[in-house]
Amino acid sequence: MIKRNSPYLLSLLLIAGLLIPGGCNQQEQPPSSPRAQTAPRAKVSPPVQKPQTSARISENPASSLVFTDRKDPFKSLMSLQGQVAKPTVSTRTKNSLPIQSYDLSKFKVAGIIVGLVENRALVVDPVGKGYVVKQGMLIGDNDGRISKITATTIEVIENYRDDNGHISKRTVRLTLPQKK
């Protein structure tokens, strides 16, 4: 009992025919022409912005950046006028340590630690910088070597030039100040 004048049924069959593909047994074959094949696209990176600099670029290629009109970031902001002048330091060699720059008599013993594996002492240079020293270390501008550290003294064997110009050795004792 199908009605022949059913426009709805006819339009439904027509729409279903358009939506369903042609055949069930047909398989799609890959395109054979090289033009039809698409090559994978390379990723395009976004353009890189040039870095900004505060320096002028000079015409001389040897020195491309000129910082003459810029402030030095490592320069101290404090004025050097109010500082006290430091004592003169003898510069014997370039490889000498700061503890080897001053005369041995200018050092002060601030403390001695006795009773550990080896004795140690704290000496202060004329500028006020402290050094922890132990036996065998160099001290003073005449290549003095610490030979012994006791509970109250530090003994230093020092090389010096006598009146005749001969190099001699002497023992200098730096003592710990007594409490009053």
Protein backbone atom coordinates (compact mmCIF):
# COMPACT_ATOMS: atom_id res chain seq x y z
CA MET A 1 0.00 0.00 0.00
CA ILE A 2 2.29 2.60 -1.25
CA LYS A 3 0.82 5.76 -2.37
CA ARG A 4 2.00 6.89 -5.71
CA ASN A 5 1.67 10.53 -5.10
CA SER A 6 3.94 10.69 -2.14
CA PRO A 7 6.35 13.59 -2.78
CA TYR A 8 7.92 13.14 0.59
CA LEU A 9 9.04 9.61 -0.08
CA LEU A 10 10.47 10.53 -3.43
CA SER A 11 12.48 13.44 -2.06
CA LEU A 12 13.76 11.23 0.76
CA LEU A 13 15.06 8.63 -1.70
CA LEU A 14 16.66 11.31 -3.81
CA ILE A 15 18.50 12.82 -0.81
CA ALA A 16 19.65 9.40 0.38
CA GLY A 17 21.01 8.66 -3.10
CA LEU A 18 23.07 11.82 -3.07
CA LEU A 19 24.52 11.23 0.38
CA ILE A 20 25.52 7.60 -0.15
CA PRO A 21 28.56 7.17 -2.40
CA GLY A 22 28.35 5.41 -5.70
CA GLY A 23 29.59 1.86 -5.29
CA CYS A 24 30.61 -0.38 -2.44
CA ASN A 25 33.25 -2.47 -4.21
CA GLN A 26 35.23 0.34 -5.72
CA GLN A 27 38.44 1.31 -3.98
CA GLU A 28 40.13 4.61 -4.50
CA GLN A 29 43.48 4.36 -6.16
CA PRO A 30 46.22 6.82 -5.29
CA PRO A 31 46.88 9.44 -7.92
CA SER A 32 49.63 8.40 -10.28
CA SER A 33 50.72 11.78 -11.51
CA PRO A 34 53.60 13.51 -9.65
CA ARG A 35 51.68 16.76 -9.76
CA ALA A 36 48.84 15.33 -7.76
CA GLN A 37 51.16 14.26 -4.94
CA THR A 38 51.76 17.02 -2.47
CA ALA A 39 55.15 17.36 -0.82
CA PRO A 40 55.21 17.97 2.94
CA ARG A 41 55.52 21.63 3.69
CA ALA A 42 58.50 22.90 5.61
CA LYS A 43 57.68 24.75 8.81
CA VAL A 44 58.18 28.43 8.44
CA SER A 45 59.54 30.11 11.54
CA PRO A 46 58.39 33.60 12.41
CA PRO A 47 60.79 36.42 11.54
CA VAL A 48 63.40 37.18 14.22
CA GLN A 49 63.49 40.71 15.57
CA LYS A 50 66.89 42.39 15.65
CA PRO A 51 68.21 42.99 19.19
CA GLN A 52 68.06 46.55 20.43
CA THR A 53 71.30 48.13 21.68
CA SER A 54 72.04 51.46 23.28
CA ALA A 55 75.47 51.74 21.68
CA ARG A 56 76.28 53.67 18.55
CA ILE A 57 77.65 51.68 15.68
CA SER A 58 80.77 53.28 14.31
CA GLU A 59 82.03 53.26 10.75
CA ASN A 60 85.25 51.47 11.75
CA PRO A 61 84.64 47.70 11.49
CA ALA A 62 87.43 46.97 14.01
CA SER A 63 85.48 48.51 16.87
CA SER A 64 81.84 48.20 16.01
CA LEU A 65 80.41 49.38 19.34
CA VAL A 66 81.26 52.68 21.02
CA PHE A 67 80.32 53.18 24.69
CA THR A 68 82.00 56.56 25.27
CA ASP A 69 78.86 58.41 26.28
CA ARG A 70 77.52 55.64 28.58
CA LYS A 71 77.91 55.33 32.35
CA ASP A 72 80.22 52.64 33.77
CA PRO A 73 77.94 50.20 35.67
CA PHE A 74 80.85 48.88 37.76
CA LYS A 75 82.04 52.26 39.01
CA SER A 76 81.30 53.00 42.65
CA LEU A 77 78.62 55.58 43.33
CA MET A 78 80.33 56.69 46.53
CA SER A 79 82.72 59.61 46.40
CA LEU A 80 86.37 58.82 46.98
CA GLN A 81 87.02 62.18 48.68
CA GLY A 82 86.04 61.14 52.22
CA GLN A 83 88.18 57.99 52.36
CA VAL A 84 91.37 57.71 54.38
CA ALA A 85 94.54 57.09 52.39
CA LYS A 86 95.75 53.49 52.61
CA PRO A 87 99.33 52.76 53.65
CA THR A 88 101.80 52.16 50.88
CA VAL A 89 102.23 48.56 49.87
CA SER A 90 105.49 47.29 48.49
CA THR A 91 104.96 45.49 45.21
CA ARG A 92 107.71 42.90 45.01
CA THR A 93 106.31 40.54 42.42
CA LYS A 94 103.06 40.11 40.61
CA ASN A 95 102.50 36.67 42.15
CA SER A 96 102.76 37.73 45.79
CA LEU A 97 99.71 37.48 48.03
CA PRO A 98 98.33 40.47 49.95
CA ILE A 99 99.65 38.95 53.19
CA GLN A 100 103.16 39.18 51.68
CA SER A 101 102.86 42.89 50.90
CA TYR A 102 103.49 44.42 54.33
CA ASP A 103 106.41 44.48 56.72
CA LEU A 104 106.22 41.73 59.34
CA SER A 105 106.33 44.17 62.26
CA LYS A 106 103.08 45.82 61.09
CA PHE A 107 100.97 42.67 61.60
CA LYS A 108 99.01 42.21 64.86
CA VAL A 109 97.99 38.87 66.33
CA ALA A 110 94.25 38.87 67.07
CA GLY A 111 93.82 35.28 68.23
CA ILE A 112 95.39 31.83 68.40
CA ILE A 113 93.62 28.47 68.30
CA VAL A 114 95.59 25.68 69.99
CA GLY A 115 94.70 22.05 70.49
CA LEU A 116 93.37 20.93 67.14
CA VAL A 117 95.32 18.85 64.66
CA GLU A 118 97.43 21.89 63.93
CA ASN A 119 97.56 25.29 65.58
CA ARG A 120 96.17 28.27 63.73
CA ALA A 121 96.29 32.00 64.31
CA LEU A 122 94.43 35.09 63.17
CA VAL A 123 96.67 37.99 62.14
CA VAL A 124 95.48 41.43 61.04
CA ASP A 125 97.36 43.54 58.46
CA PRO A 126 97.76 47.36 58.74
CA VAL A 127 94.65 47.98 56.65
CA GLY A 128 92.51 45.84 58.99
CA LYS A 129 92.03 42.70 56.90
CA GLY A 130 92.37 39.46 58.86
CA TYR A 131 94.11 36.26 57.74
CA VAL A 132 93.97 32.80 59.28
CA VAL A 133 97.49 31.38 59.12
CA LYS A 134 99.07 28.02 59.96
CA GLN A 135 102.56 26.61 60.13
CA GLY A 136 104.45 26.73 56.83
CA MET A 137 102.62 29.71 55.31
CA LEU A 138 104.43 32.77 53.91
CA ILE A 139 103.93 36.12 55.62
CA GLY A 140 105.58 39.54 55.29
CA ASP A 141 107.47 41.24 52.49
CA ASN A 142 110.79 39.46 53.19
CA ASP A 143 109.52 35.94 52.46
CA GLY A 144 108.95 35.06 56.10
CA ARG A 145 107.73 31.53 56.76
CA ILE A 146 105.75 30.63 59.87
CA SER A 147 107.78 28.00 61.72
CA LYS A 148 105.85 27.56 64.95
CA ILE A 149 102.55 28.63 66.53
CA THR A 150 102.32 28.35 70.33
CA ALA A 151 99.57 29.40 72.74
CA THR A 152 100.88 33.00 72.93
CA THR A 153 103.30 33.57 70.02
CA ILE A 154 103.84 33.06 66.33
CA GLU A 155 107.45 32.45 65.27
CA VAL A 156 108.42 33.51 61.77
CA ILE A 157 111.78 32.80 60.10
CA GLU A 158 112.47 35.70 57.78
CA ASN A 159 115.16 36.35 55.15
CA TYR A 160 116.73 39.81 55.24
CA ARG A 161 119.70 41.62 53.75
CA ASP A 162 122.24 42.75 56.36
CA ASP A 163 124.58 45.79 56.24
CA ASN A 164 127.18 43.94 54.16
CA GLY A 165 124.59 42.93 51.55
CA HIS A 166 124.48 39.26 52.59
CA ILE A 167 121.16 37.49 52.92
CA SER A 168 120.64 36.24 56.47
CA LYS A 169 117.82 34.60 58.40
CA ARG A 170 116.28 35.85 61.62
CA THR A 171 113.45 34.68 63.84
CA VAL A 172 110.69 37.19 64.56
CA ARG A 173 108.08 36.55 67.27
CA LEU A 174 104.62 38.05 67.00
CA THR A 175 102.91 37.87 70.42
CA LEU A 176 99.27 37.79 71.34
CA PRO A 177 98.35 40.83 73.49
CA GLN A 178 97.57 39.92 77.12
CA LYS A 179 94.15 40.65 78.62
CA LYS A 180 94.22 43.27 81.38
